[in-house]
Amino acid sequence: THEELCRFIARESESVVVSVGYRLAPEHKYPAAYEDCLTASQHFLQHLQLYGVDPARVTVCGDSAGGNLAAAVSQTLAGRSDLPRLRAQILIYPGLQALDFNLPSYQQNRGVPLLFRERAAFYMLQYLNGNATKLEEVLEGSHIPPDIKLKYQKWVSPD
């Protein structure tokens, strides 16, 4: 479904975009999708010569949950000295935090199609454990213990 967009990004950025088909939630819970993307990316980076790819031109990209996966893979690979460094990561409306679904961006976009606040929380729960019974608690913010909220307040705050 994303081949045309990947080709466009590759052409415009003069990069090689790695697009991975991964197992989907709720049938396959976390960390299945992450492991699929990481395994595929590592394999590709280990065999660049086989594919005729310049190591300095590899980019990972993803949208929505795929943006989350691209960010996680990029962070994991950043610490690997045995693999070529990624040129870039391209994240298109990525799901990057699940601590607070009441931040201004969620409030401002709560009625924007595709990015509905409730839908984002629902999909996050599906991705993590395949169970959305705690959706209201997540939307209220009561799914995070107060000490954790305090610890990460500096990074996840409306201020």
Protein backbone atom coordinates (compact mmCIF):
# COMPACT_ATOMS: atom_id res chain seq x y z
CA THR A 1 0.00 0.00 0.00
CA HIS A 2 2.95 2.35 0.52
CA GLU A 3 5.16 1.45 -2.43
CA GLU A 4 4.51 4.67 -4.34
CA LEU A 5 5.25 6.82 -1.28
CA CYS A 6 8.44 4.85 -0.53
CA ARG A 7 9.60 5.30 -4.13
CA PHE A 8 8.91 9.04 -3.90
CA ILE A 9 10.85 9.37 -0.63
CA ALA A 10 13.74 7.31 -2.01
CA ARG A 11 13.89 9.41 -5.18
CA GLU A 12 13.61 12.79 -3.44
CA SER A 13 16.07 11.97 -0.65
CA GLU A 14 18.47 10.03 -2.89
CA SER A 15 18.26 7.22 -0.36
CA VAL A 16 17.35 3.58 -0.24
CA VAL A 17 14.17 3.18 1.78
CA VAL A 18 13.73 -0.10 3.58
CA SER A 19 10.04 -1.02 3.74
CA VAL A 20 9.22 -4.01 5.92
CA GLY A 21 6.01 -6.00 6.08
CA TYR A 22 5.56 -6.86 9.74
CA ARG A 23 3.12 -8.87 11.84
CA LEU A 24 0.12 -6.82 12.92
CA ALA A 25 -1.72 -6.39 16.21
CA PRO A 26 -3.90 -7.54 17.82
CA GLU A 27 -3.10 -11.06 16.55
CA HIS A 28 0.61 -10.43 17.11
CA LYS A 29 1.30 -8.44 20.25
CA TYR A 30 4.35 -6.36 21.08
CA PRO A 31 7.24 -6.96 20.45
CA ALA A 32 6.43 -9.02 17.31
CA ALA A 33 6.27 -6.07 14.89
CA TYR A 34 9.41 -4.47 16.35
CA GLU A 35 11.32 -7.76 16.12
CA ASP A 36 10.23 -8.22 12.48
CA CYS A 37 11.41 -4.72 11.53
CA LEU A 38 14.67 -4.98 13.45
CA THR A 39 15.49 -8.42 12.02
CA ALA A 40 14.76 -7.30 8.45
CA SER A 41 16.76 -4.08 8.85
CA GLN A 42 19.75 -5.87 10.37
CA HIS A 43 19.71 -8.47 7.61
CA PHE A 44 19.55 -5.79 4.94
CA LEU A 45 22.41 -3.79 6.50
CA GLN A 46 24.53 -6.92 6.85
CA HIS A 47 24.05 -7.78 3.15
CA LEU A 48 24.20 -4.41 1.41
CA GLN A 49 26.80 -5.62 -1.07
CA LEU A 50 24.49 -8.42 -2.15
CA TYR A 51 21.83 -5.79 -2.98
CA GLY A 52 24.30 -3.33 -4.53
CA VAL A 53 23.45 -0.60 -2.03
CA ASP A 54 25.74 2.20 -0.88
CA PRO A 55 25.85 1.96 2.95
CA ALA A 56 25.65 5.75 3.23
CA ARG A 57 22.21 5.86 1.52
CA VAL A 58 20.01 3.65 3.75
CA THR A 59 16.96 5.30 5.32
CA VAL A 60 14.19 3.84 7.45
CA CYS A 61 10.71 5.25 7.21
CA GLY A 62 7.28 4.63 8.67
CA ASP A 63 3.90 6.15 9.24
CA SER A 64 1.65 5.82 12.29
CA ALA A 65 2.65 2.60 14.11
CA GLY A 66 5.29 2.11 11.40
CA GLY A 67 6.74 5.49 12.43
CA ASN A 68 7.04 4.18 15.96
CA LEU A 69 8.76 1.06 14.65
CA ALA A 70 11.14 3.05 12.44
CA ALA A 71 12.11 5.22 15.43
CA ALA A 72 12.65 2.19 17.67
CA VAL A 73 14.73 0.39 15.04
CA SER A 74 16.78 3.54 14.43
CA GLN A 75 17.50 3.88 18.15
CA THR A 76 18.50 0.24 18.43
CA LEU A 77 20.76 0.36 15.38
CA ALA A 78 22.39 3.64 16.46
CA GLY A 79 24.37 1.76 19.09
CA ARG A 80 25.63 -0.92 16.70
CA SER A 81 29.24 -0.44 15.60
CA ASP A 82 29.14 -3.61 13.47
CA LEU A 83 26.57 -2.19 11.03
CA PRO A 84 26.56 0.86 8.75
CA ARG A 85 24.89 3.92 10.24
CA LEU A 86 21.50 4.85 8.89
CA ARG A 87 21.38 7.99 6.78
CA ALA A 88 18.08 9.10 8.25
CA GLN A 89 14.77 8.14 9.74
CA ILE A 90 11.59 9.53 8.23
CA LEU A 91 8.65 9.49 10.62
CA ILE A 92 5.20 10.33 9.27
CA TYR A 93 2.64 11.04 12.05
CA PRO A 94 4.38 8.49 14.30
CA GLY A 95 2.93 7.19 17.53
CA LEU A 96 5.79 8.02 19.87
CA GLN A 97 4.31 8.38 23.33
CA ALA A 98 1.51 6.72 25.26
CA LEU A 99 1.94 8.44 28.62
CA ASP A 100 -0.57 11.22 28.07
CA PHE A 101 -3.38 11.35 25.52
CA ASN A 102 -4.43 14.77 26.86
CA LEU A 103 -1.51 16.80 25.54
CA PRO A 104 -2.36 19.81 23.37
CA SER A 105 -1.74 17.99 20.08
CA TYR A 106 -4.29 15.33 21.03
CA GLN A 107 -6.77 17.99 22.16
CA GLN A 108 -6.29 20.12 19.05
CA ASN A 109 -6.60 17.13 16.70
CA ARG A 110 -9.21 15.14 18.58
CA GLY A 111 -11.67 15.44 15.69
CA VAL A 112 -9.23 15.22 12.78
CA PRO A 113 -9.88 12.10 10.67
CA LEU A 114 -7.32 9.33 11.08
CA LEU A 115 -5.79 10.99 14.14
CA PHE A 116 -8.75 10.78 16.51
CA ARG A 117 -7.51 10.77 20.09
CA GLU A 118 -9.65 7.76 21.07
CA ARG A 119 -8.51 5.82 18.01
CA ALA A 120 -4.84 6.51 18.77
CA ALA A 121 -5.26 5.19 22.32
CA PHE A 122 -7.25 2.18 21.10
CA TYR A 123 -4.57 1.21 18.57
CA MET A 124 -1.82 1.68 21.13
CA LEU A 125 -3.59 -0.78 23.44
CA GLN A 126 -4.07 -3.24 20.57
CA TYR A 127 -0.38 -2.99 19.74
CA LEU A 128 0.78 -3.52 23.31
CA ASN A 129 -1.50 -6.28 24.52
CA GLY A 130 -4.43 -6.81 22.15
CA ASN A 131 -6.91 -5.66 24.77
CA ALA A 132 -8.68 -2.29 24.77
CA THR A 133 -10.77 -2.78 27.93
CA LYS A 134 -8.74 -0.08 29.72
CA LEU A 135 -9.37 2.55 27.04
CA GLU A 136 -11.14 5.00 29.37
CA GLU A 137 -8.34 4.79 31.94
CA VAL A 138 -5.78 5.48 29.22
CA LEU A 139 -7.76 8.47 27.93
CA GLU A 140 -8.05 9.83 31.49
CA GLY A 141 -4.35 9.28 32.10
CA SER A 142 -4.87 6.98 35.07
CA HIS A 143 -2.91 4.14 33.42
CA ILE A 144 0.41 5.70 34.45
CA PRO A 145 1.44 5.66 38.12
CA PRO A 146 2.00 9.15 39.62
CA ASP A 147 5.73 8.54 40.21
CA ILE A 148 6.25 7.70 36.53
CA LYS A 149 4.27 10.77 35.45
CA LEU A 150 6.46 12.92 37.67
CA LYS A 151 9.64 11.31 36.33
CA TYR A 152 8.72 12.00 32.68
CA GLN A 153 6.84 15.27 33.19
CA LYS A 154 9.82 17.21 31.83
CA TRP A 155 9.45 15.49 28.44
CA VAL A 156 5.69 14.92 28.30
CA SER A 157 4.06 18.12 29.44
CA PRO A 158 1.75 20.72 27.90
CA ASP A 159 4.25 23.33 29.04
